C-alpha cells in the first residue's frame, strides 16, 4: 500500500511503510509543528498559515525544525 494521509474531524493519520499513526488536530493546531517517528521513518508535520491544511515531510534524524 502506498503512503497515505487520512484526515478526520478530530485528527489526522499517516500511513508509511505498513505502519500508521494518528495525530490530534488540536495538538497540531496549537504547536504548529510536530517532530515524530513512524517506525524507523522520521516525520515532520507542519500546520499551514490558513490553520486548515497541513504538510508532512520525511526529516533528517539529526535536524529539529522550529517556527
PDB file of N, CA and C in Angstrom:
ATOM      1  N   UNK A   1       0.839  -1.175   0.000  1.00  0.00           N
ATOM      2  CA  UNK A   1       0.000   0.000   0.000  1.00  0.00           C
ATOM      3  C   UNK A   1       0.887   1.243   0.000  1.00  0.00           C
ATOM      4  N   UNK A   2       0.500   2.254  -0.737  1.00  0.00           N
ATOM      5  CA  UNK A   2       1.265   3.491  -0.803  1.00  0.00           C
ATOM      6  C   UNK A   2       1.095   4.295   0.469  1.00  0.00           C
ATOM      7  N   UNK A   3       1.988   5.258   0.680  1.00  0.00           N
ATOM      8  CA  UNK A   3       1.883   6.151   1.825  1.00  0.00           C
ATOM      9  C   UNK A   3       0.599   6.968   1.698  1.00  0.00           C
ATOM     10  N   UNK A   4      -0.100   7.163   2.812  1.00  0.00           N
ATOM     11  CA  UNK A   4      -1.382   7.851   2.759  1.00  0.00           C
ATOM     12  C   UNK A   4      -1.549   8.793   3.929  1.00  0.00           C
ATOM     13  N   UNK A   5      -2.406   9.788   3.729  1.00  0.00           N
ATOM     14  CA  UNK A   5      -2.835  10.692   4.785  1.00  0.00           C
ATOM     15  C   UNK A   5      -4.337  10.522   4.949  1.00  0.00           C
ATOM     16  N   UNK A   6      -4.785  10.400   6.167  1.00  0.00           N
ATOM     17  CA  UNK A   6      -6.208  10.305   6.458  1.00  0.00           C
ATOM     18  C   UNK A   6      -6.567  11.459   7.375  1.00  0.00           C
ATOM     19  N   UNK A   7      -7.581  12.223   6.999  1.00  0.00           N
ATOM     20  CA  UNK A   7      -7.965  13.378   7.799  1.00  0.00           C
ATOM     21  C   UNK A   7      -9.393  13.193   8.289  1.00  0.00           C
ATOM     22  N   UNK A   8      -9.595  13.361   9.587  1.00  0.00           N
ATOM     23  CA  UNK A   8     -10.916  13.280  10.186  1.00  0.00           C
ATOM     24  C   UNK A   8     -11.241  14.586  10.882  1.00  0.00           C
ATOM     25  N   UNK A   9     -12.389  14.634  11.516  1.00  0.00           N
ATOM     26  CA  UNK A   9     -12.812  15.861  12.173  1.00  0.00           C
ATOM     27  C   UNK A   9     -11.957  16.204  13.386  1.00  0.00           C
ATOM     28  N   UNK A  10     -11.418  15.209  14.076  1.00  0.00           N
ATOM     29  CA  UNK A  10     -10.654  15.496  15.287  1.00  0.00           C
ATOM     30  C   UNK A  10      -9.180  15.129  15.164  1.00  0.00           C
ATOM     31  N   UNK A  11      -8.773  14.634  14.027  1.00  0.00           N
ATOM     32  CA  UNK A  11      -7.377  14.255  13.910  1.00  0.00           C
ATOM     33  C   UNK A  11      -6.993  13.918  12.486  1.00  0.00           C
ATOM     34  N   UNK A  12      -5.770  13.480  12.351  1.00  0.00           N
ATOM     35  CA  UNK A  12      -5.273  13.049  11.056  1.00  0.00           C
ATOM     36  C   UNK A  12      -4.401  11.833  11.273  1.00  0.00           C
ATOM     37  N   UNK A  13      -4.247  11.060  10.239  1.00  0.00           N
ATOM     38  CA  UNK A  13      -3.429   9.868  10.331  1.00  0.00           C
ATOM     39  C   UNK A  13      -2.462   9.785   9.175  1.00  0.00           C
ATOM     40  N   UNK A  14      -1.322   9.197   9.442  1.00  0.00           N
ATOM     41  CA  UNK A  14      -0.316   8.998   8.396  1.00  0.00           C
ATOM     42  C   UNK A  14       0.019   7.514   8.339  1.00  0.00           C
ATOM     43  N   UNK A  15       0.060   6.990   7.135  1.00  0.00           N
ATOM     44  CA  UNK A  15       0.381   5.587   6.889  1.00  0.00           C
ATOM     45  C   UNK A  15       1.648   5.545   6.046  1.00  0.00           C
ATOM     46  N   UNK A  16       2.728   4.978   6.608  1.00  0.00           N
ATOM     47  CA  UNK A  16       4.018   4.905   5.918  1.00  0.00           C
ATOM     48  C   UNK A  16       4.609   3.517   6.138  1.00  0.00           C
ATOM     49  N   UNK A  17       5.009   2.880   5.054  1.00  0.00           N
ATOM     50  CA  UNK A  17       5.699   1.587   5.143  1.00  0.00           C
ATOM     51  C   UNK A  17       4.961   0.588   6.040  1.00  0.00           C
ATOM     52  N   UNK A  18       3.681   0.448   5.833  1.00  0.00           N
ATOM     53  CA  UNK A  18       2.828  -0.501   6.561  1.00  0.00           C
ATOM     54  C   UNK A  18       2.709  -0.191   8.053  1.00  0.00           C
ATOM     55  N   UNK A  19       2.965   1.035   8.447  1.00  0.00           N
ATOM     56  CA  UNK A  19       2.760   1.473   9.826  1.00  0.00           C
ATOM     57  C   UNK A  19       1.938   2.743   9.803  1.00  0.00           C
ATOM     58  N   UNK A  20       1.079   2.903  10.804  1.00  0.00           N
ATOM     59  CA  UNK A  20       0.200   4.062  10.854  1.00  0.00           C
ATOM     60  C   UNK A  20       0.288   4.742  12.212  1.00  0.00           C
ATOM     61  N   UNK A  21       0.004   6.034  12.200  1.00  0.00           N
ATOM     62  CA  UNK A  21      -0.024   6.792  13.444  1.00  0.00           C
ATOM     63  C   UNK A  21      -1.065   7.898  13.308  1.00  0.00           C
ATOM     64  N   UNK A  22      -1.792   8.139  14.395  1.00  0.00           N
ATOM     65  CA  UNK A  22      -2.813   9.187  14.416  1.00  0.00           C
ATOM     66  C   UNK A  22      -2.311  10.381  15.222  1.00  0.00           C
ATOM     67  N   UNK A  23      -2.746  11.554  14.818  1.00  0.00           N
ATOM     68  CA  UNK A  23      -2.371  12.797  15.488  1.00  0.00           C
ATOM     69  C   UNK A  23      -3.631  13.599  15.783  1.00  0.00           C
ATOM     70  N   UNK A  24      -3.636  14.220  16.941  1.00  0.00           N
ATOM     71  CA  UNK A  24      -4.745  15.076  17.356  1.00  0.00           C
ATOM     72  C   UNK A  24      -4.620  16.417  16.627  1.00  0.00           C
ATOM     73  N   UNK A  25      -5.665  16.800  15.916  1.00  0.00           N
ATOM     74  CA  UNK A  25      -5.653  18.048  15.153  1.00  0.00           C
ATOM     75  C   UNK A  25      -5.456  19.256  16.079  1.00  0.00           C
ATOM     76  N   UNK A  26      -6.054  19.218  17.263  1.00  0.00           N
ATOM     77  CA  UNK A  26      -5.914  20.339  18.204  1.00  0.00           C
ATOM     78  C   UNK A  26      -4.459  20.507  18.642  1.00  0.00           C
ATOM     79  N   UNK A  27      -3.746  19.398  18.812  1.00  0.00           N
ATOM     80  CA  UNK A  27      -2.338  19.475  19.191  1.00  0.00           C
ATOM     81  C   UNK A  27      -1.516  20.101  18.070  1.00  0.00           C
ATOM     82  N   UNK A  28      -1.752  19.687  16.835  1.00  0.00           N
ATOM     83  CA  UNK A  28      -1.039  20.278  15.702  1.00  0.00           C
ATOM     84  C   UNK A  28      -1.395  21.752  15.577  1.00  0.00           C
ATOM     85  N   UNK A  29      -2.646  22.085  15.806  1.00  0.00           N
ATOM     86  CA  UNK A  29      -3.091  23.470  15.712  1.00  0.00           C
ATOM     87  C   UNK A  29      -2.405  24.348  16.762  1.00  0.00           C
ATOM     88  N   UNK A  30      -2.182  23.826  17.945  1.00  0.00           N
ATOM     89  CA  UNK A  30      -1.540  24.629  18.991  1.00  0.00           C
ATOM     90  C   UNK A  30      -0.020  24.675  18.841  1.00  0.00           C
ATOM     91  N   UNK A  31       0.597  23.569  18.428  1.00  0.00           N
ATOM     92  CA  UNK A  31       2.061  23.534  18.296  1.00  0.00           C
ATOM     93  C   UNK A  31       2.547  24.060  16.954  1.00  0.00           C
ATOM     94  N   UNK A  32       1.748  23.921  15.916  1.00  0.00           N
ATOM     95  CA  UNK A  32       2.070  24.322  14.537  1.00  0.00           C
ATOM     96  C   UNK A  32       3.084  23.408  13.854  1.00  0.00           C
ATOM     97  N   UNK A  33       3.892  22.687  14.638  1.00  0.00           N
ATOM     98  CA  UNK A  33       4.894  21.790  14.070  1.00  0.00           C
ATOM     99  C   UNK A  33       5.083  20.607  15.024  1.00  0.00           C
ATOM    100  N   UNK A  34       5.148  19.397  14.480  1.00  0.00           N
ATOM    101  CA  UNK A  34       5.338  18.197  15.292  1.00  0.00           C
ATOM    102  C   UNK A  34       6.467  17.373  14.675  1.00  0.00           C
ATOM    103  N   UNK A  35       7.461  17.041  15.494  1.00  0.00           N
ATOM    104  CA  UNK A  35       8.533  16.111  15.112  1.00  0.00           C
ATOM    105  C   UNK A  35       8.146  14.750  15.667  1.00  0.00           C
ATOM    106  N   UNK A  36       8.219  13.723  14.843  1.00  0.00           N
ATOM    107  CA  UNK A  36       7.856  12.397  15.327  1.00  0.00           C
ATOM    108  C   UNK A  36       8.574  11.354  14.485  1.00  0.00           C
ATOM    109  N   UNK A  37       8.294  10.115  14.806  1.00  0.00           N
ATOM    110  CA  UNK A  37       8.849   8.996  14.065  1.00  0.00           C
ATOM    111  C   UNK A  37       7.774   7.934  13.938  1.00  0.00           C
ATOM    112  N   UNK A  38       7.612   7.401  12.742  1.00  0.00           N
ATOM    113  CA  UNK A  38       6.685   6.306  12.497  1.00  0.00           C
ATOM    114  C   UNK A  38       7.553   5.119  12.087  1.00  0.00           C
ATOM    115  N   UNK A  39       7.693   4.168  12.992  1.00  0.00           N
ATOM    116  CA  UNK A  39       8.651   3.084  12.777  1.00  0.00           C
ATOM    117  C   UNK A  39      10.049   3.675  12.738  1.00  0.00           C
ATOM    118  N   UNK A  40      10.788   3.417  11.685  1.00  0.00           N
ATOM    119  CA  UNK A  40      12.128   3.991  11.509  1.00  0.00           C
ATOM    120  C   UNK A  40      12.131   5.216  10.617  1.00  0.00           C
ATOM    121  N   UNK A  41      10.952   5.775  10.362  1.00  0.00           N
ATOM    122  CA  UNK A  41      10.786   6.866   9.413  1.00  0.00           C
ATOM    123  C   UNK A  41      10.538   8.171  10.167  1.00  0.00           C
ATOM    124  N   UNK A  42      11.534   9.079  10.256  1.00  0.00           N
ATOM    125  CA  UNK A  42      11.325  10.352  10.948  1.00  0.00           C
ATOM    126  C   UNK A  42      10.427  11.275  10.115  1.00  0.00           C
ATOM    127  N   UNK A  43       9.449  11.888  10.759  1.00  0.00           N
ATOM    128  CA  UNK A  43       8.500  12.744  10.048  1.00  0.00           C
ATOM    129  C   UNK A  43       8.408  14.117  10.710  1.00  0.00           C
ATOM    130  N   UNK A  44       7.965  15.075   9.918  1.00  0.00           N
ATOM    131  CA  UNK A  44       7.733  16.433  10.361  1.00  0.00           C
ATOM    132  C   UNK A  44       6.361  16.843   9.851  1.00  0.00           C
ATOM    133  N   UNK A  45       5.471  17.227  10.755  1.00  0.00           N
ATOM    134  CA  UNK A  45       4.150  17.715  10.382  1.00  0.00           C
ATOM    135  C   UNK A  45       4.106  19.215  10.638  1.00  0.00           C
ATOM    136  N   UNK A  46       3.595  19.962   9.666  1.00  0.00           N
ATOM    137  CA  UNK A  46       3.529  21.414   9.781  1.00  0.00           C
ATOM    138  C   UNK A  46       2.124  21.874   9.425  1.00  0.00           C
ATOM    139  N   UNK A  47       1.551  22.724  10.269  1.00  0.00           N
ATOM    140  CA  UNK A  47       0.251  23.324  10.000  1.00  0.00           C
ATOM    141  C   UNK A  47       0.455  24.540   9.098  1.00  0.00           C
ATOM    142  N   UNK A  48      -0.365  24.675   8.077  1.00  0.00           N
ATOM    143  CA  UNK A  48      -0.264  25.803   7.157  1.00  0.00           C
ATOM    144  C   UNK A  48      -0.792  27.077   7.799  1.00  0.00           C
ATOM    145  N   UNK A  49      -0.467  28.217   7.185  1.00  0.00           N
ATOM    146  CA  UNK A  49      -0.897  29.506   7.717  1.00  0.00           C
ATOM    147  C   UNK A  49      -2.413  29.620   7.815  1.00  0.00           C
ATOM    148  N   UNK A  50      -3.135  28.929   6.932  1.00  0.00           N
ATOM    149  CA  UNK A  50      -4.595  29.019   6.963  1.00  0.00           C
ATOM    150  C   UNK A  50      -5.212  28.281   8.151  1.00  0.00           C
ATOM    151  N   UNK A  51      -4.413  27.468   8.859  1.00  0.00           N
ATOM    152  CA  UNK A  51      -4.897  26.735  10.023  1.00  0.00           C
ATOM    153  C   UNK A  51      -5.826  25.586   9.694  1.00  0.00           C
ATOM    154  N   UNK A  52      -5.962  25.267   8.406  1.00  0.00           N
ATOM    155  CA  UNK A  52      -6.883  24.211   7.997  1.00  0.00           C
ATOM    156  C   UNK A  52      -6.233  23.130   7.148  1.00  0.00           C
ATOM    157  N   UNK A  53      -4.997  23.329   6.791  1.00  0.00           N
ATOM    158  CA  UNK A  53      -4.303  22.317   5.998  1.00  0.00           C
ATOM    159  C   UNK A  53      -2.920  22.078   6.610  1.00  0.00           C
ATOM    160  N   UNK A  54      -2.313  20.959   6.225  1.00  0.00           N
ATOM    161  CA  UNK A  54      -1.021  20.592   6.795  1.00  0.00           C
ATOM    162  C   UNK A  54      -0.149  19.957   5.726  1.00  0.00           C
ATOM    163  N   UNK A  55       1.119  19.819   6.072  1.00  0.00           N
ATOM    164  CA  UNK A  55       2.059  19.103   5.211  1.00  0.00           C
ATOM    165  C   UNK A  55       2.861  18.162   6.098  1.00  0.00           C
ATOM    166  N   UNK A  56       3.259  17.042   5.533  1.00  0.00           N
ATOM    167  CA  UNK A  56       4.090  16.079   6.247  1.00  0.00           C
ATOM    168  C   UNK A  56       5.300  15.769   5.377  1.00  0.00           C
ATOM    169  N   UNK A  57       6.455  15.715   6.019  1.00  0.00           N
ATOM    170  CA  UNK A  57       7.702  15.503   5.308  1.00  0.00           C
ATOM    171  C   UNK A  57       8.543  14.456   6.007  1.00  0.00           C
ATOM    172  N   UNK A  58       9.391  13.793   5.240  1.00  0.00           N
ATOM    173  CA  UNK A  58      10.445  12.972   5.832  1.00  0.00           C
ATOM    174  C   UNK A  58      11.521  13.953   6.294  1.00  0.00           C
ATOM    175  N   UNK A  59      12.046  13.742   7.495  1.00  0.00           N
ATOM    176  CA  UNK A  59      13.063  14.657   8.002  1.00  0.00           C
ATOM    177  C   UNK A  59      14.329  13.885   8.354  1.00  0.00           C
ATOM    178  N   UNK A  60      15.395  14.626   8.525  1.00  0.00           N
ATOM    179  CA  UNK A  60      16.660  14.057   8.959  1.00  0.00           C
ATOM    180  C   UNK A  60      16.561  13.675  10.432  1.00  0.00           C
ATOM    181  N   UNK A  61      17.243  12.617  10.846  1.00  0.00           N
ATOM    182  CA  UNK A  61      17.256  12.227  12.249  1.00  0.00           C
ATOM    183  C   UNK A  61      17.937  13.280  13.118  1.00  0.00           C
ATOM    184  N   UNK A  62      18.858  14.037  12.546  1.00  0.00           N
ATOM    185  CA  UNK A  62      19.686  14.946  13.330  1.00  0.00           C
ATOM    186  C   UNK A  62      19.146  16.369  13.411  1.00  0.00           C
ATOM    187  N   UNK A  63      18.191  16.727  12.555  1.00  0.00           N
ATOM    188  CA  UNK A  63      17.745  18.111  12.462  1.00  0.00           C
ATOM    189  C   UNK A  63      16.392  18.283  13.135  1.00  0.00           C
ATOM    190  N   UNK A  64      16.261  19.329  13.941  1.00  0.00           N
ATOM    191  CA  UNK A  64      14.976  19.719  14.527  1.00  0.00           C
ATOM    192  C   UNK A  64      14.606  21.080  13.954  1.00  0.00           C
ATOM    193  N   UNK A  65      13.387  21.211  13.483  1.00  0.00           N
ATOM    194  CA  UNK A  65      12.915  22.449  12.876  1.00  0.00           C
ATOM    195  C   UNK A  65      12.011  23.182  13.856  1.00  0.00           C
ATOM    196  N   UNK A  66      11.919  24.489  13.714  1.00  0.00           N
ATOM    197  CA  UNK A  66      11.020  25.278  14.548  1.00  0.00           C
ATOM    198  C   UNK A  66      10.417  26.396  13.714  1.00  0.00           C
ATOM    199  N   UNK A  67       9.353  26.967  14.257  1.00  0.00           N
ATOM    200  CA  UNK A  67       8.670  28.076  13.583  1.00  0.00           C
ATOM    201  C   UNK A  67       8.835  29.308  14.439  1.00  0.00           C
TER     202      UNK A  67
END
